């Protein structure tokens, strides 16, 4: 029997990857399980520069996005900006997920919410990771906030690199082929996992 799923995405206005890559991943799932079909629905939060004040202003728009997507009766919402959540302070993904889910319930179309920050934390716990290495595209101050957030969730950062790309469009254009060379210059011998924040798949986009 065919199952149809509506996927809601809350994305930064300058993000150019999530609306191509998430559908591609789930369409690959559908090729293995044709009975599962997905449609994708986005609402955008204004942000151009990846800096703390813009991220906070952007996050304030997430409630509006949740309400808009609930009008489409989506089955799940994904908040697709890790650094926006982590820049708001330790454990904020739990606050955000709960609040946005409550917004959808107010419309009579309750839906669960996952943030990329929460998904990362959950995945690291599922994998049993203790020590991680981190590659992030952000400026050093934001990368330090990300590391503090991850450490507060019980993980040790053994090495890290900040690529210091302030423009979010340029983050989306960063060549993923550079990542192996960046990691090769890091001390990852003791790392259980290498976390690459905001990488993209090799694509023409």
Protein backbone atom coordinates (compact mmCIF):
# COMPACT_ATOMS: atom_id res chain seq x y z
CA UNK A 1 0.00 0.00 0.00
CA UNK A 2 1.32 3.44 -0.93
CA UNK A 3 2.19 5.76 1.94
CA UNK A 4 2.45 9.49 1.25
CA UNK A 5 4.53 11.68 3.54
CA UNK A 6 4.66 15.47 3.56
CA UNK A 7 8.04 16.76 4.70
CA UNK A 8 8.18 20.34 5.98
CA UNK A 9 11.49 22.18 5.98
CA UNK A 10 12.29 25.39 7.86
CA UNK A 11 15.31 26.81 6.06
CA UNK A 12 17.41 29.99 6.01
CA UNK A 13 16.47 32.23 3.08
CA UNK A 14 20.01 32.00 1.69
CA UNK A 15 20.25 28.21 1.96
CA UNK A 16 20.62 26.57 -1.47
CA UNK A 17 21.27 22.95 -0.51
CA UNK A 18 18.55 21.54 1.74
CA UNK A 19 15.77 21.72 -0.84
CA UNK A 20 17.84 19.72 -3.30
CA UNK A 21 19.68 17.29 -1.04
CA UNK A 22 16.93 16.19 1.37
CA UNK A 23 14.57 15.35 -1.52
CA UNK A 24 17.39 13.48 -3.27
CA UNK A 25 18.03 11.36 -0.17
CA UNK A 26 14.38 10.50 0.34
CA UNK A 27 13.85 9.83 -3.35
CA UNK A 28 16.71 7.34 -3.09
CA UNK A 29 14.76 5.73 -0.24
CA UNK A 30 11.70 5.57 -2.51
CA UNK A 31 13.72 3.76 -5.16
CA UNK A 32 14.24 0.96 -2.62
CA UNK A 33 10.75 1.19 -1.13
CA UNK A 34 8.41 2.42 -3.90
CA UNK A 35 5.43 2.33 -1.57
CA UNK A 36 6.90 5.30 0.35
CA UNK A 37 6.36 8.60 -1.43
CA UNK A 38 7.40 12.06 -0.28
CA UNK A 39 6.50 15.64 -1.07
CA UNK A 40 8.52 18.60 0.19
CA UNK A 41 7.29 21.92 1.50
CA UNK A 42 9.50 24.78 2.70
CA UNK A 43 9.17 28.00 4.64
CA UNK A 44 12.10 30.39 4.83
CA UNK A 45 13.65 32.53 7.58
CA UNK A 46 15.59 35.61 6.46
CA UNK A 47 19.38 35.30 6.87
CA UNK A 48 22.33 36.22 4.66
CA UNK A 49 25.40 36.47 6.90
CA UNK A 50 26.25 33.66 9.32
CA UNK A 51 26.71 35.82 12.39
CA UNK A 52 25.15 35.66 15.84
CA UNK A 53 22.78 38.62 15.59
CA UNK A 54 21.39 37.53 12.21
CA UNK A 55 20.99 33.97 13.44
CA UNK A 56 19.01 35.11 16.49
CA UNK A 57 16.76 37.32 14.33
CA UNK A 58 16.30 34.43 11.93
CA UNK A 59 15.37 31.99 14.69
CA UNK A 60 12.65 34.39 15.82
CA UNK A 61 10.94 33.75 12.48
CA UNK A 62 10.81 29.98 13.00
CA UNK A 63 7.42 30.13 14.76
CA UNK A 64 5.89 31.75 11.68
CA UNK A 65 7.44 29.04 9.52
CA UNK A 66 6.00 26.28 11.70
CA UNK A 67 2.55 27.83 11.45
CA UNK A 68 2.80 28.17 7.67
CA UNK A 69 3.90 24.56 7.23
CA UNK A 70 1.17 23.29 9.52
CA UNK A 71 -1.32 24.81 7.07
CA UNK A 72 -0.01 22.25 4.56
CA UNK A 73 -0.62 19.46 7.11
CA UNK A 74 2.96 18.24 6.95
CA UNK A 75 3.80 15.02 8.77
CA UNK A 76 7.10 16.25 10.19
CA UNK A 77 9.09 19.50 10.31
CA UNK A 78 12.85 19.77 10.01
CA UNK A 79 14.64 22.94 11.16
CA UNK A 80 17.63 23.05 8.84
CA UNK A 81 20.22 25.30 10.48
CA UNK A 82 22.50 23.75 13.08
CA UNK A 83 24.42 26.88 14.02
CA UNK A 84 21.29 29.00 14.52
CA UNK A 85 20.12 26.58 17.20
CA UNK A 86 23.51 26.14 18.84
CA UNK A 87 24.18 29.89 18.91
CA UNK A 88 21.08 30.32 21.08
CA UNK A 89 22.65 28.49 24.01
CA UNK A 90 23.16 25.03 25.45
CA UNK A 91 20.30 22.59 25.01
CA UNK A 92 18.26 25.02 22.91
CA UNK A 93 17.32 22.35 20.37
CA UNK A 94 14.97 20.84 22.95
CA UNK A 95 13.35 24.22 23.60
CA UNK A 96 12.96 24.93 19.88
CA UNK A 97 11.59 21.52 18.97
CA UNK A 98 9.00 21.65 21.77
CA UNK A 99 7.92 25.21 21.01
CA UNK A 100 7.58 24.71 17.26
CA UNK A 101 5.65 21.48 17.72
CA UNK A 102 3.30 23.37 20.04
CA UNK A 103 2.80 25.99 17.32
CA UNK A 104 1.64 23.29 14.91
CA UNK A 105 -0.72 21.85 17.52
CA UNK A 106 -2.35 25.27 17.90
CA UNK A 107 -3.56 25.00 14.30
CA UNK A 108 -5.00 21.52 14.78
CA UNK A 109 -2.23 19.97 12.70
CA UNK A 110 0.26 18.79 15.32
CA UNK A 111 3.54 17.54 13.87
CA UNK A 112 6.83 16.47 15.42
CA UNK A 113 9.83 18.74 14.90
CA UNK A 114 13.49 17.81 14.56
CA UNK A 115 16.32 20.31 14.34
CA UNK A 116 19.62 19.53 12.67
CA UNK A 117 21.30 20.28 16.01
CA UNK A 118 19.08 17.78 17.81
CA UNK A 119 19.57 15.20 15.08
CA UNK A 120 23.35 15.51 15.40
CA UNK A 121 23.28 15.11 19.18
CA UNK A 122 20.93 12.12 18.96
CA UNK A 123 23.02 10.47 16.23
CA UNK A 124 26.25 10.82 18.20
CA UNK A 125 24.62 9.18 21.21
CA UNK A 126 23.19 6.35 19.08
CA UNK A 127 26.67 5.76 17.63
CA UNK A 128 28.16 5.61 21.10
CA UNK A 129 30.65 8.36 20.23
CA UNK A 130 32.62 9.98 23.03
CA UNK A 131 35.34 11.92 21.22
CA UNK A 132 34.76 13.86 18.02
CA UNK A 133 36.66 16.02 15.55
CA UNK A 134 34.78 18.93 14.01
CA UNK A 135 35.00 20.76 10.68
CA UNK A 136 32.68 23.78 10.47
CA UNK A 137 32.30 26.50 7.83
CA UNK A 138 31.63 29.22 10.40
CA UNK A 139 33.79 32.01 11.78
CA UNK A 140 35.84 31.08 14.86
CA UNK A 141 33.49 32.64 17.49
CA UNK A 142 30.49 30.72 16.14
CA UNK A 143 32.52 27.52 15.81
CA UNK A 144 33.48 27.90 19.47
CA UNK A 145 29.79 28.17 20.38
CA UNK A 146 29.12 24.98 18.42
CA UNK A 147 31.93 23.19 20.25
CA UNK A 148 30.66 24.39 23.62
CA UNK A 149 27.16 23.16 22.74
CA UNK A 150 28.41 19.73 21.71
CA UNK A 151 30.64 19.46 24.79
CA UNK A 152 27.67 20.28 27.02
CA UNK A 153 25.91 17.25 25.52
CA UNK A 154 28.69 15.01 26.86
CA UNK A 155 31.21 14.84 24.01
CA UNK A 156 34.89 15.74 23.93
CA UNK A 157 36.25 17.75 20.99
CA UNK A 158 39.71 16.39 20.16
CA UNK A 159 40.44 18.71 17.21
CA UNK A 160 38.59 21.22 15.07
CA UNK A 161 38.78 23.51 12.07
CA UNK A 162 36.78 26.67 11.33
CA UNK A 163 36.68 27.48 7.61
CA UNK A 164 35.57 31.07 8.36
CA UNK A 165 33.04 31.58 5.57
CA UNK A 166 30.72 34.43 6.68
CA UNK A 167 28.39 34.50 3.65
CA UNK A 168 25.78 31.75 3.70
CA UNK A 169 25.60 31.54 -0.10
CA UNK A 170 29.35 30.89 -0.14
CA UNK A 171 28.92 28.19 2.49
CA UNK A 172 26.61 26.41 0.05
CA UNK A 173 29.20 26.76 -2.70
CA UNK A 174 32.08 25.32 -0.66
CA UNK A 175 33.66 22.48 -2.64
CA UNK A 176 33.14 19.19 -0.73
CA UNK A 177 36.20 17.79 -2.52
CA UNK A 178 38.31 19.97 -0.21
CA UNK A 179 37.13 18.20 2.94
CA UNK A 180 39.43 15.13 2.79
CA UNK A 181 42.46 17.43 2.58
CA UNK A 182 41.24 19.47 5.54
CA UNK A 183 40.70 16.36 7.64
CA UNK A 184 44.12 15.02 6.62
CA UNK A 185 45.70 17.97 8.42
CA UNK A 186 43.85 17.30 11.66
CA UNK A 187 44.64 15.11 14.66
CA UNK A 188 41.82 12.59 14.44
CA UNK A 189 43.58 9.48 15.76
CA UNK A 190 41.55 9.52 18.98
CA UNK A 191 38.27 10.64 17.43
CA UNK A 192 35.34 8.24 17.33
CA UNK A 193 33.55 10.41 14.77
CA UNK A 194 34.44 13.28 12.44
CA UNK A 195 31.57 15.77 12.31
CA UNK A 196 31.43 17.91 9.18
CA UNK A 197 28.95 20.66 9.80
CA UNK A 198 27.05 21.71 6.69
CA UNK A 199 28.89 19.71 4.06
CA UNK A 200 27.13 19.26 0.76
CA UNK A 201 27.04 16.42 -1.69
CA UNK A 202 29.02 16.87 -4.86
CA UNK A 203 26.51 18.37 -7.28
CA UNK A 204 26.23 21.03 -9.99
CA UNK A 205 24.15 23.32 -7.77
